[in-house]
Amino acid sequence: MQLQFTFDQLRLLFRILEQDCRELRDKISQTNDINLKHLLTSEEVAEEDLLEKVITRQLQFSSDELDEIADLLRKHDQQLRNARTETTEGTREQELNNRIAALERLLDKVVEACAML
């Protein structure tokens, strides 16, 4: 099976990976625990590799990389759902619903690709 993303899905994946890399860099800079810093640094390197693949559109992912992407998308989906629960603005809620729907379509593709490997 060949995994193909639309331009919007690639852009969404890029933004999520970019955001997560930024969050990992922030966590690394804020911790003094050497073991945690090492763990976070290895996670950041792995995600930066995925980000580079998305940027260059070399979308041949290993099964481990697909699992990592799926986990990241699930985490982001949960964050969006939590934000939707906490919002009281109708327009903000609709925006979050649209983002969740787009994320679900992307996650479905990744999960299907994981199942095929």
Protein backbone atom coordinates (compact mmCIF):
# COMPACT_ATOMS: atom_id res chain seq x y z
CA MET A 1 0.00 0.00 0.00
CA GLN A 2 1.21 3.45 -0.84
CA LEU A 3 0.51 6.14 1.72
CA GLN A 4 -0.52 9.36 0.05
CA PHE A 5 -1.35 12.62 1.75
CA THR A 6 -3.17 15.63 0.38
CA PHE A 7 -1.36 18.96 0.53
CA ASP A 8 -3.51 20.01 3.51
CA GLN A 9 -2.72 16.76 5.33
CA LEU A 10 1.00 17.24 4.71
CA ARG A 11 0.77 20.78 6.02
CA LEU A 12 -1.11 19.58 9.11
CA LEU A 13 1.44 16.84 9.75
CA PHE A 14 4.25 19.37 9.31
CA ARG A 15 2.68 21.79 11.79
CA ILE A 16 2.10 19.08 14.38
CA LEU A 17 5.65 17.75 14.08
CA GLU A 18 7.08 21.26 14.18
CA GLN A 19 5.05 22.13 17.29
CA ASP A 20 6.04 18.92 19.05
CA CYS A 21 9.75 19.46 18.24
CA ARG A 22 9.50 22.96 19.66
CA GLU A 23 7.83 21.65 22.83
CA LEU A 24 10.52 18.98 23.22
CA ARG A 25 13.29 21.59 22.84
CA ASP A 26 11.60 23.68 25.54
CA LYS A 27 11.39 20.67 27.88
CA ILE A 28 15.04 19.83 27.23
CA SER A 29 16.15 23.36 28.06
CA GLN A 30 14.09 23.40 31.28
CA THR A 31 15.26 20.11 32.81
CA ASN A 32 18.40 19.43 34.77
CA ASP A 33 17.85 15.66 34.92
CA ILE A 34 20.53 14.14 32.65
CA ASN A 35 18.54 10.94 31.97
CA LEU A 36 15.39 12.84 31.08
CA LYS A 37 17.37 15.26 28.94
CA HIS A 38 18.91 12.31 27.04
CA LEU A 39 15.49 10.69 26.52
CA LEU A 40 13.90 13.93 25.32
CA THR A 41 16.85 14.63 23.01
CA SER A 42 16.50 11.22 21.35
CA GLU A 43 12.75 11.85 20.91
CA GLU A 44 13.49 15.24 19.39
CA VAL A 45 16.02 13.78 16.95
CA ALA A 46 13.51 11.14 15.84
CA GLU A 47 10.80 13.75 15.31
CA GLU A 48 13.17 16.08 13.48
CA ASP A 49 13.98 13.18 11.12
CA LEU A 50 10.25 12.73 10.48
CA LEU A 51 9.87 16.47 9.98
CA GLU A 52 12.71 16.44 7.44
CA LYS A 53 11.00 13.61 5.53
CA VAL A 54 7.77 15.61 5.40
CA ILE A 55 9.57 18.77 4.27
CA THR A 56 11.39 16.94 1.47
CA ARG A 57 8.31 14.81 0.72
CA GLN A 58 10.24 11.58 1.10
CA LEU A 59 7.30 9.85 2.70
CA GLN A 60 8.64 6.33 2.97
CA PHE A 61 8.17 5.61 6.66
CA SER A 62 9.18 2.52 8.57
CA SER A 63 6.60 0.79 10.72
CA ASP A 64 8.20 2.33 13.84
CA GLU A 65 7.99 5.79 12.27
CA LEU A 66 4.34 5.26 11.34
CA ASP A 67 3.60 4.16 14.90
CA GLU A 68 5.37 7.25 16.22
CA ILE A 69 3.35 9.48 13.87
CA ALA A 70 0.10 7.77 14.91
CA ASP A 71 0.92 8.27 18.60
CA LEU A 72 1.75 11.92 18.00
CA LEU A 73 -1.49 12.46 16.06
CA ARG A 74 -3.51 10.78 18.82
CA LYS A 75 -1.87 13.01 21.42
CA HIS A 76 -2.64 16.10 19.39
CA ASP A 77 -6.21 14.93 18.79
CA GLN A 78 -6.73 14.57 22.54
CA GLN A 79 -5.35 18.06 23.12
CA LEU A 80 -7.79 19.50 20.58
CA ARG A 81 -10.70 17.61 22.12
CA ASN A 82 -9.77 18.91 25.57
CA ALA A 83 -9.57 22.46 24.20
CA ARG A 84 -13.00 22.03 22.59
CA THR A 85 -14.47 20.86 25.90
CA GLU A 86 -13.08 23.92 27.68
CA THR A 87 -14.23 26.53 25.15
CA THR A 88 -17.47 28.47 25.41
CA GLU A 89 -17.15 30.39 22.14
CA GLY A 90 -19.24 29.00 19.28
CA THR A 91 -16.85 30.08 16.53
CA ARG A 92 -13.84 28.69 18.40
CA GLU A 93 -15.68 25.41 18.95
CA GLN A 94 -16.48 25.13 15.23
CA GLU A 95 -12.85 25.86 14.35
CA LEU A 96 -11.73 23.11 16.73
CA ASN A 97 -14.31 20.71 15.26
CA ASN A 98 -12.92 21.38 11.77
CA ARG A 99 -9.35 20.79 12.96
CA ILE A 100 -10.36 17.59 14.76
CA ALA A 101 -12.12 16.30 11.63
CA ALA A 102 -9.04 17.01 9.48
CA LEU A 103 -6.81 15.36 12.05
CA GLU A 104 -9.07 12.29 12.20
CA ARG A 105 -8.83 11.83 8.42
CA LEU A 106 -5.05 12.05 8.61
CA LEU A 107 -4.90 9.67 11.56
CA ASP A 108 -7.15 7.17 9.74
CA LYS A 109 -4.68 7.06 6.83
CA VAL A 110 -1.73 6.55 9.12
CA VAL A 111 -3.47 3.85 11.18
CA GLU A 112 -4.51 2.05 7.98
CA ALA A 113 -0.90 2.14 6.75
CA CYS A 114 0.27 0.78 10.12
CA ALA A 115 -2.17 -2.11 9.83
CA MET A 116 -0.91 -2.94 6.34
CA LEU A 117 2.70 -3.38 7.47
